C-alpha cells in the first residue's frame, strides 16, 4: 500500500495577519502575508529588467515565494528568483499554476513575454485557471512576477520545475537555483521555510487542518489524522501505447477516516498534470478512480497520483495508416488500418482472378471516422443492385456492374480508378451510381485519364459502366456513270451517317451482283455524315447491279472494247507500222522512178509519223 500525504503543523504566524498554509507532501506550513506600505507592484519594484524593491529579501541562487498584503487588504502572490548584483549564476525555473484565482491578473511580468534579456525569452502561458510561466535569466539579474489580487478562499497548486526540470529543459541557463524559500511574517525579518524543489505545493487560506484539504483531516479533538487516504493498488490497461491512443489508469483509494471524504485524484506524468477528478469515498472504504488519457509525444513517463508513483508508461510512435488489397475470384478486399479522420490513403488494387471488362484499379480514400481495422469489398461481378438494372439508353451499351461496399463507413470521400480493358475507349465510357436511398441511378463526377475513369464520390455503392457506341449507316448511293466501256473505272458514291453517340469507323463493301469487288473506309464523328466513294473497273461487257454497303446504287452497262475493224481516223490500232517497198527495189533506185518514188516515200513517212503521234496521245 502507498500512503498519500501526511500532515504536520508548522510554527505559528509572526503577526496577526490573515493565516494561510502550504501543504507539500507530509508537511503543512502556516504562514502570513508580508505587509507592505503600498501595492504589490511597487513592492516588487520592477525596472524593466529586475526586482529592485525586494532586494532585502533576495538571496543568491534562491527562489522566494510569498504573499504580499497592501494597506487596503489586497493580497497578491509574489515570486522572485535570485539576487540583483550578487555572485549569482543565473538560472531557469518554470512554475505550473493550477487553480489560479479568476479575481487576479499578472500585475508584473519579469520579464515581459518576448523580451529577451536572458539566455532566451521568458514564456508566459497565462490566462484561465491553469497557467505556466517559464523564467530564465543571466547572472546578476532576477526574474519573477506579481499576481493579484488572489481574493478570498485561495486554493492554489504550484508544480515547480527548477534547473534541468524547467519546462524547456537543460541548457537554457548558465547557472542553477539551489533553494526554494517560503517567506512569512515581518518584512524586515521574515521567517524562511525551505521547500522541496521537486514536490508540488498547495497554498490555501486558513490554518493547517482547516477547510477540506484533499489529503488532510481534523480529528474530533482538533488534532491531525495521519494519513487520511491511501492508495491500495494501481493498474494500467497497457504500459506501452502509441501516440494519441487512450490508456486507462485505475487507482484504488482507501479512506482511513471514519467519516465520508472527497478525494481529489491528480494524475501526473513526470509531474505534469494530465487529468484530475474528485470522487466521494465513504469512511473506512475503498473506491477506484479511473483516468483515461492519451499522450501527444513519445517517451517514457512516470505516472503518479499527486506524488505517489504508480508506474511507467512507454509511448511509442503511432502506427502508420495503411490500405492493403487482396484479390479472390471477382472480389478484391481492401483492409484499412490505423487511420485517423482526415487521413488520405491511396492504394493500387490487384486485378480480380476472373476476367472482367471494367475493374477498380486504384482507390484514394479520405477517412471519415477513426479506423483501427476495417475492410472495403469491391465486387466486379455484382450484377444490378436489388434487381434494379440500369435502364437501356439509345447509343449506350452496358459494360459492367461494380459494387463497392463500405461496411464500416471508412471513407468520407473517395476517388477510384475504373480501369478498362484495351477493347474499350475511355473517352466513350460513362459511369452511373446507384442511390439506394432513392432507388435511382445518378451521375458522379468523372475525370478521364488515358485508359481510366477517375470517379469521385462521397459514398460507395454499385456503379454501372456503360459505353457510348456509334450507329453508322449509308444511304443515297449512286453510280457516277451508267454506261462505260470495259476497262473504264466505275465510281459509286454514298452518304454515311452516324446517328450514335460515339465516333464510328465503317468499311463499306462495293458489290456487283452481290459479289464484293471493292471497299471504302470512312470515319464519321457522332451526329455527323460524310460522303464516301468506291471505284471498280469491269473487264467484261455486261449489265451489273451495284451496291455500296447496304445501299443499292443502281445498274451500270459495260460495253465491249472496240476492235481494229471499227476504228475511225485517229483511233488507237495495234497494226504494225507501214513500210514502203516496190518490187523489192529499194526506194530511190531504178531508171525513171527516182523522183516519183522519193515523193511516195516522203508521203508514207509523214503518214507513219501521224499514226505514231495519234497513238501517243
Foldseek 3Di string as FASTA:
>chain_A
DFFWAAEDFADDEPDDAFWKWKDWGNYIYIFHAEEDAADVVVCQCDPQAAGPNQQLVFDALEKEWGWYAYPVGFIKIWIKGGHAQDQHAKWKKKKKKAQQAPQKDWPDFNHDAPDDQALGGWDWQDDDRITMTIDTHGPNHMGITMMDRRDPWAKMKIAMQWAQRHPVGHDSYRHGRDWYWYWHHYSNDTDTDTDDRHAMMIMTGDGPQDDAPQFWHADPVRHTDTTQKGWPAKDKPDQEEEAPDKIKIKTKMFGAAQAKHKHKWFKDWSSHTFDIDIDIDGHRGIDMDMDIGGHHDFDKTFIDRRPHTHDIHGYHHQDDWAWDWDAEAQKIKIKTAQDAQQDKYKDAYDHHPDDAFKFFGIKIFGFHHGHHIDMKMKGFAPPDPPPQDDDDDAQKDWRTKIFIDRPPSGGQKMKTKIAGDPVAFQVFKAKWAADPVVRDIHGFDWDDDGRIIITIDRDTGMMIIMGGDKDKDKEPKAWPAQEEAAQDKIKIKIKIFIQTQAKDKDKKFKDWVRHGFWIWIDIDGHGGMDMIMIMDGHRDFDKTFIAIHPYTHGIHGYHYDDAPVPDDPLDQHPDDQDDDDDPNDDQQDDPPCRVVSVVVRVVSVVVSVVNVVSNVD
